[in-house]
Amino acid sequence: MISKEILSKIRKLEIHTKGLVNNIFSGEYQSAFKGRGMEFSEVREYTFGDDVRQIDWNVTARSSEPYIKVFEEEREQTLMLCVDISPSGYFGSHSQTKMELAIEICAVLAFSAIKNGDKVGLVLFSDKIEKVVPPKKGRTHVLRLIRELYTTEPDGTSTNIGEALSYVNRLLTRRSILVLASDFQDENFEKQHRITTQKHDLVNLVINDRLEEDLPDIGIVPFRDAETGKESLVDTSSKKVREAYRKRVQERKKSLQEYFLKNKMDSIDVYTNESYIKPLINFFQRRISRF
């Protein structure tokens, strides 16, 4: 049974995100994610200025008048949401956790997809595949995906992006839009990551929290790694400690961004204490400008 609290969250999220889709994101989504190609629609009589390469010679021979083939963009696509639900995602120093932010953005993308006639599927992972929902259309299906995002608790204790992408690559037989939502607290996933970007239209949604980038000066604090369980005492009152921590985090972020750029991968950076609307719009506009 789903608790009343979860049902209330799902309903509020649907109202909020569908409003954003209707007013902001639907057209942006359709423009940013083109169809797979062109498919045959019909034949019609040739008119001056038409491309002669599209003449249908069989119909032309039967009718003794020139006819051309008409093609339309094959619009329907599959959006697969691949979401990291490992323990580090349940951290949040502001009004929402990283996981809650990921859920909201996934809801926006899912409602945008079905509004444009696309299918949406879901893969939840930690260091193992936790849940898979095959792609389908429709509002009821999207609400099921949101419910799974809210209620699925991970059995795994860490993150394995490479394993998740390897599974998705076996699961999806046709090129799809693949949104990978994670805080990317993982290593050695690059090989499978590069394979995925060749097979699918991969978008990296990087979920961040500011407190993970800058330690506050609050004295000696016990820290516990959410994924490894390792505990340690950190003297946050030490300027040297805070600066070393900040430098290490910034180097990791810079390395990840350079990796995305080098491999020409799309990425969106979002933070728990900031609106995701502008980063998402900027992403869509970057995509549109490339066409």
Protein backbone atom coordinates (compact mmCIF):
# COMPACT_ATOMS: atom_id res chain seq x y z
CA MET A 1 0.00 0.00 0.00
CA ILE A 2 1.17 3.53 -0.78
CA SER A 3 1.01 5.95 2.13
CA LYS A 4 -1.18 9.05 2.00
CA GLU A 5 1.99 11.13 2.30
CA ILE A 6 3.48 9.61 -0.87
CA LEU A 7 0.19 9.96 -2.75
CA SER A 8 0.05 13.62 -1.72
CA LYS A 9 3.63 14.16 -2.91
CA ILE A 10 2.89 12.53 -6.26
CA ARG A 11 -0.24 14.64 -6.78
CA LYS A 12 1.52 17.90 -5.87
CA LEU A 13 4.46 17.02 -8.09
CA GLU A 14 2.15 16.23 -11.01
CA ILE A 15 0.37 19.59 -10.70
CA HIS A 16 3.65 21.51 -10.39
CA THR A 17 5.59 19.78 -13.16
CA LYS A 18 2.68 19.63 -15.64
CA GLY A 19 2.32 23.39 -15.21
CA LEU A 20 5.99 23.83 -16.10
CA VAL A 21 5.61 21.50 -19.08
CA ASN A 22 2.56 23.31 -20.45
CA ASN A 23 4.03 26.78 -19.98
CA ILE A 24 7.76 26.31 -20.56
CA PHE A 25 9.22 22.95 -21.48
CA SER A 26 6.97 21.11 -23.94
CA GLY A 27 8.04 23.02 -27.05
CA GLU A 28 11.65 23.13 -25.87
CA TYR A 29 11.67 19.35 -25.43
CA GLN A 30 10.24 18.68 -28.89
CA SER A 31 12.74 21.02 -30.53
CA ALA A 32 15.71 19.67 -28.59
CA PHE A 33 15.05 15.99 -29.23
CA LYS A 34 14.51 15.36 -32.91
CA GLY A 35 12.93 12.19 -34.23
CA ARG A 36 14.94 9.23 -35.51
CA GLY A 37 14.63 10.30 -39.14
CA MET A 38 12.10 10.56 -41.94
CA GLU A 39 9.39 8.05 -42.76
CA PHE A 40 7.22 7.73 -45.87
CA SER A 41 3.83 9.44 -45.59
CA GLU A 42 2.13 9.57 -49.01
CA VAL A 43 2.53 10.37 -52.70
CA ARG A 44 1.18 13.46 -54.41
CA GLU A 45 1.37 15.07 -57.84
CA TYR A 46 4.64 16.74 -58.71
CA THR A 47 4.60 20.56 -58.67
CA PHE A 48 7.21 22.97 -59.93
CA GLY A 49 10.09 23.28 -57.45
CA ASP A 50 9.74 19.81 -55.94
CA ASP A 51 12.88 17.72 -55.51
CA VAL A 52 13.03 15.45 -58.58
CA ARG A 53 14.96 12.91 -56.53
CA GLN A 54 11.74 12.16 -54.66
CA ILE A 55 9.79 11.17 -57.78
CA ASP A 56 8.00 7.83 -57.34
CA TRP A 57 8.66 6.24 -60.72
CA ASN A 58 6.26 3.32 -60.22
CA VAL A 59 3.27 5.59 -59.53
CA THR A 60 4.40 7.98 -62.27
CA ALA A 61 4.51 5.14 -64.83
CA ARG A 62 1.01 3.94 -63.92
CA SER A 63 -0.59 7.40 -63.99
CA SER A 64 1.39 8.98 -66.83
CA GLU A 65 1.78 12.02 -64.57
CA PRO A 66 4.78 12.70 -62.28
CA TYR A 67 4.22 11.92 -58.60
CA ILE A 68 6.62 12.42 -55.69
CA LYS A 69 7.05 10.70 -52.34
CA VAL A 70 6.25 12.78 -49.27
CA PHE A 71 8.16 12.08 -46.04
CA GLU A 72 7.48 13.17 -42.47
CA GLU A 73 9.74 13.25 -39.45
CA GLU A 74 9.48 10.03 -37.45
CA ARG A 75 8.59 11.80 -34.23
CA GLU A 76 7.94 9.02 -31.72
CA GLN A 77 10.91 8.26 -29.51
CA THR A 78 11.74 6.52 -26.26
CA LEU A 79 12.94 8.44 -23.22
CA MET A 80 14.68 6.21 -20.69
CA LEU A 81 15.32 7.68 -17.24
CA CYS A 82 18.30 5.98 -15.61
CA VAL A 83 18.33 7.21 -12.01
CA ASP A 84 20.95 6.65 -9.31
CA ILE A 85 19.16 5.82 -6.04
CA SER A 86 22.28 4.92 -4.03
CA PRO A 87 22.46 6.24 -0.43
CA SER A 88 24.43 9.40 -1.28
CA GLY A 89 21.37 10.71 -3.14
CA TYR A 90 19.40 11.01 0.08
CA PHE A 91 21.60 13.84 1.32
CA GLY A 92 20.31 17.39 1.22
CA SER A 93 21.34 20.49 3.15
CA HIS A 94 18.44 22.66 1.97
CA SER A 95 14.72 22.20 1.40
CA GLN A 96 15.13 19.01 -0.64
CA THR A 97 17.49 16.08 -1.01
CA LYS A 98 19.42 15.31 -4.18
CA MET A 99 17.01 12.44 -4.80
CA GLU A 100 13.96 14.69 -4.50
CA LEU A 101 15.50 17.11 -7.00
CA ALA A 102 16.21 14.25 -9.41
CA ILE A 103 12.61 13.03 -9.09
CA GLU A 104 11.20 16.48 -9.90
CA ILE A 105 13.34 16.95 -13.00
CA CYS A 106 12.57 13.41 -14.17
CA ALA A 107 8.86 14.19 -13.79
CA VAL A 108 9.23 17.32 -15.96
CA LEU A 109 11.03 15.35 -18.66
CA ALA A 110 8.56 12.45 -18.49
CA PHE A 111 5.48 14.67 -18.82
CA SER A 112 7.19 16.59 -21.65
CA ALA A 113 7.86 13.29 -23.41
CA ILE A 114 4.30 11.94 -23.24
CA LYS A 115 2.91 15.32 -24.28
CA ASN A 116 4.93 14.90 -27.46
CA GLY A 117 3.84 11.31 -28.03
CA ASP A 118 7.00 9.59 -26.76
CA LYS A 119 7.33 6.53 -24.56
CA VAL A 120 9.02 6.77 -21.15
CA GLY A 121 10.80 4.04 -19.20
CA LEU A 122 12.74 3.88 -15.94
CA VAL A 123 15.83 2.11 -14.63
CA LEU A 124 16.72 2.60 -10.95
CA PHE A 125 20.20 1.57 -9.86
CA SER A 126 22.77 1.68 -7.06
CA ASP A 127 25.66 -0.77 -7.33
CA LYS A 128 23.06 -3.10 -8.86
CA ILE A 129 19.89 -2.77 -10.92
CA GLU A 130 17.13 -2.06 -8.39
CA LYS A 131 14.02 -1.63 -10.54
CA VAL A 132 13.09 -1.58 -14.24
CA VAL A 133 9.87 -0.21 -15.72
CA PRO A 134 9.58 -0.77 -19.51
CA PRO A 135 8.77 2.25 -21.71
CA LYS A 136 5.11 3.09 -22.29
CA LYS A 137 2.96 6.13 -23.04
CA GLY A 138 0.37 7.94 -20.98
CA ARG A 139 -0.22 9.90 -17.79
CA THR A 140 -0.99 6.83 -15.69
CA HIS A 141 2.32 5.30 -16.69
CA VAL A 142 4.27 8.44 -15.77
CA LEU A 143 2.55 8.51 -12.37
CA ARG A 144 3.69 4.92 -11.86
CA LEU A 145 7.28 5.96 -12.65
CA ILE A 146 7.08 8.78 -10.10
CA ARG A 147 5.67 6.37 -7.52
CA GLU A 148 8.59 4.00 -8.09
CA LEU A 149 11.04 6.88 -7.73
CA TYR A 150 9.51 7.84 -4.38
CA THR A 151 9.07 4.37 -2.93
CA THR A 152 11.92 2.15 -4.20
CA GLU A 153 14.53 1.70 -1.50
CA PRO A 154 17.97 0.53 -2.65
CA ASP A 155 19.40 -2.81 -1.60
CA GLY A 156 22.83 -1.75 -2.82
CA THR A 157 25.10 0.44 -0.73
CA SER A 158 27.19 2.18 -3.39
CA THR A 159 27.11 3.37 -7.02
CA ASN A 160 28.00 1.49 -10.20
CA ILE A 161 27.23 3.67 -13.21
CA GLY A 162 29.08 1.36 -15.61
CA GLU A 163 26.96 -1.65 -14.64
CA ALA A 164 23.74 0.37 -14.98
CA LEU A 165 24.67 1.61 -18.47
CA SER A 166 25.75 -1.86 -19.55
CA TYR A 167 22.30 -3.12 -18.58
CA VAL A 168 20.52 -0.28 -20.40
CA ASN A 169 22.56 -0.90 -23.54
CA ARG A 170 21.38 -4.52 -23.54
CA LEU A 171 17.80 -3.52 -22.75
CA LEU A 172 17.31 -0.89 -25.46
CA THR A 173 17.58 -2.26 -28.98
CA ARG A 174 16.83 1.06 -30.74
CA ARG A 175 18.51 4.42 -30.30
CA SER A 176 16.77 6.29 -27.48
CA ILE A 177 17.05 9.41 -25.35
CA LEU A 178 18.81 8.34 -22.17
CA VAL A 179 18.89 10.66 -19.15
CA LEU A 180 21.45 9.55 -16.56
CA ALA A 181 20.60 11.25 -13.24
CA SER A 182 23.32 10.87 -10.61
CA ASP A 183 25.70 12.74 -8.33
CA PHE A 184 28.44 10.79 -10.18
CA GLN A 185 30.14 9.70 -6.98
CA ASP A 186 31.68 6.76 -8.79
CA GLU A 187 34.85 5.82 -10.64
CA ASN A 188 35.89 3.71 -13.64
CA PHE A 189 32.58 4.05 -15.50
CA GLU A 190 34.03 5.87 -18.52
CA LYS A 191 34.34 2.92 -20.92
CA GLN A 192 30.68 1.91 -20.71
CA HIS A 193 29.72 5.59 -20.61
CA ARG A 194 31.42 6.24 -23.97
CA ILE A 195 29.80 3.15 -25.49
CA THR A 196 26.40 4.44 -24.35
CA THR A 197 26.86 7.87 -25.93
CA GLN A 198 27.55 6.16 -29.26
CA LYS A 199 24.42 4.02 -29.03
CA HIS A 200 21.99 6.53 -27.55
CA ASP A 201 21.30 10.23 -27.13
CA LEU A 202 22.85 10.46 -23.67
CA VAL A 203 22.17 13.37 -21.31
CA ASN A 204 24.08 13.53 -18.03
CA LEU A 205 22.03 15.13 -15.24
CA VAL A 206 24.51 15.94 -12.45
CA ILE A 207 22.79 16.38 -9.07
CA ASN A 208 24.71 18.53 -6.55
CA ASP A 209 24.41 19.95 -3.04
CA ARG A 210 26.44 23.03 -2.05
CA LEU A 211 27.32 21.67 1.38
CA GLU A 212 29.22 18.85 -0.31
CA GLU A 213 31.46 21.45 -1.97
CA ASP A 214 32.25 23.72 1.00
CA LEU A 215 32.62 22.60 4.60
CA PRO A 216 31.07 25.00 7.14
CA ASP A 217 33.17 26.14 10.11
CA ILE A 218 31.38 24.24 12.90
CA GLY A 219 34.24 22.59 14.80
CA ILE A 220 35.05 18.89 15.03
CA VAL A 221 32.31 16.91 13.30
CA PRO A 222 31.85 13.14 12.79
CA PHE A 223 31.42 12.36 9.10
CA ARG A 224 29.97 9.13 7.75
CA ASP A 225 30.22 8.16 4.08
CA ALA A 226 26.66 7.28 3.03
CA GLU A 227 27.85 4.61 0.61
CA THR A 228 30.91 3.02 2.25
CA GLY A 229 29.82 3.50 5.86
CA LYS A 230 33.30 4.73 6.77
CA GLU A 231 33.33 7.19 9.68
CA SER A 232 35.90 9.86 10.53
CA LEU A 233 36.27 13.02 12.61
CA VAL A 234 36.91 16.22 10.66
CA ASP A 235 38.07 19.48 12.18
CA THR A 236 36.01 21.93 10.13
CA SER A 237 37.35 24.87 12.15
CA SER A 238 40.71 24.39 10.40
CA LYS A 239 40.99 26.71 7.41
CA LYS A 240 43.60 24.37 5.93
CA VAL A 241 41.20 21.41 6.15
CA ARG A 242 38.35 23.38 4.57
CA GLU A 243 40.53 24.64 1.71
CA ALA A 244 41.95 21.17 1.03
CA TYR A 245 38.44 19.74 0.95
CA ARG A 246 37.18 22.49 -1.37
CA LYS A 247 40.15 22.01 -3.70
CA ARG A 248 39.63 18.26 -3.92
CA VAL A 249 35.92 18.67 -4.70
CA GLN A 250 36.56 21.34 -7.34
CA GLU A 251 39.22 19.22 -9.01
CA ARG A 252 36.78 16.33 -9.20
CA LYS A 253 34.04 18.53 -10.69
CA LYS A 254 36.46 20.06 -13.19
CA SER A 255 37.68 16.62 -14.23
CA LEU A 256 34.11 15.43 -14.80
CA GLN A 257 33.19 18.50 -16.88
CA GLU A 258 36.37 18.19 -18.96
CA TYR A 259 35.54 14.55 -19.57
CA PHE A 260 32.05 15.50 -20.81
CA LEU A 261 33.47 18.21 -23.11
CA LYS A 262 36.23 16.00 -24.49
CA ASN A 263 33.71 13.32 -25.40
CA LYS A 264 31.10 15.82 -26.66
CA MET A 265 28.50 14.71 -24.12
CA ASP A 266 25.51 16.75 -23.00
CA SER A 267 25.39 17.59 -19.28
CA ILE A 268 23.19 19.60 -16.93
CA ASP A 269 24.42 20.70 -13.50
CA VAL A 270 21.69 21.32 -10.91
CA TYR A 271 21.77 22.13 -7.18
CA THR A 272 19.34 21.38 -4.36
CA ASN A 273 19.22 25.04 -3.27
CA GLU A 274 18.72 26.53 -6.75
CA SER A 275 15.98 26.44 -9.37
CA TYR A 276 16.59 23.87 -12.09
CA ILE A 277 14.47 25.78 -14.63
CA LYS A 278 17.27 27.98 -16.00
CA PRO A 279 19.85 25.14 -16.33
CA LEU A 280 17.23 23.00 -18.09
CA ILE A 281 16.20 25.80 -20.48
CA ASN A 282 19.88 26.57 -21.21
CA PHE A 283 20.42 22.89 -22.01
CA PHE A 284 17.46 22.79 -24.40
CA GLN A 285 18.60 25.96 -26.13
CA ARG A 286 22.15 24.62 -26.57
CA ARG A 287 20.68 21.52 -28.19
CA ILE A 288 18.38 23.50 -30.46
CA SER A 289 21.22 25.78 -31.62
CA ARG A 290 23.14 22.74 -32.88
CA PHE A 291 20.44 21.80 -35.41
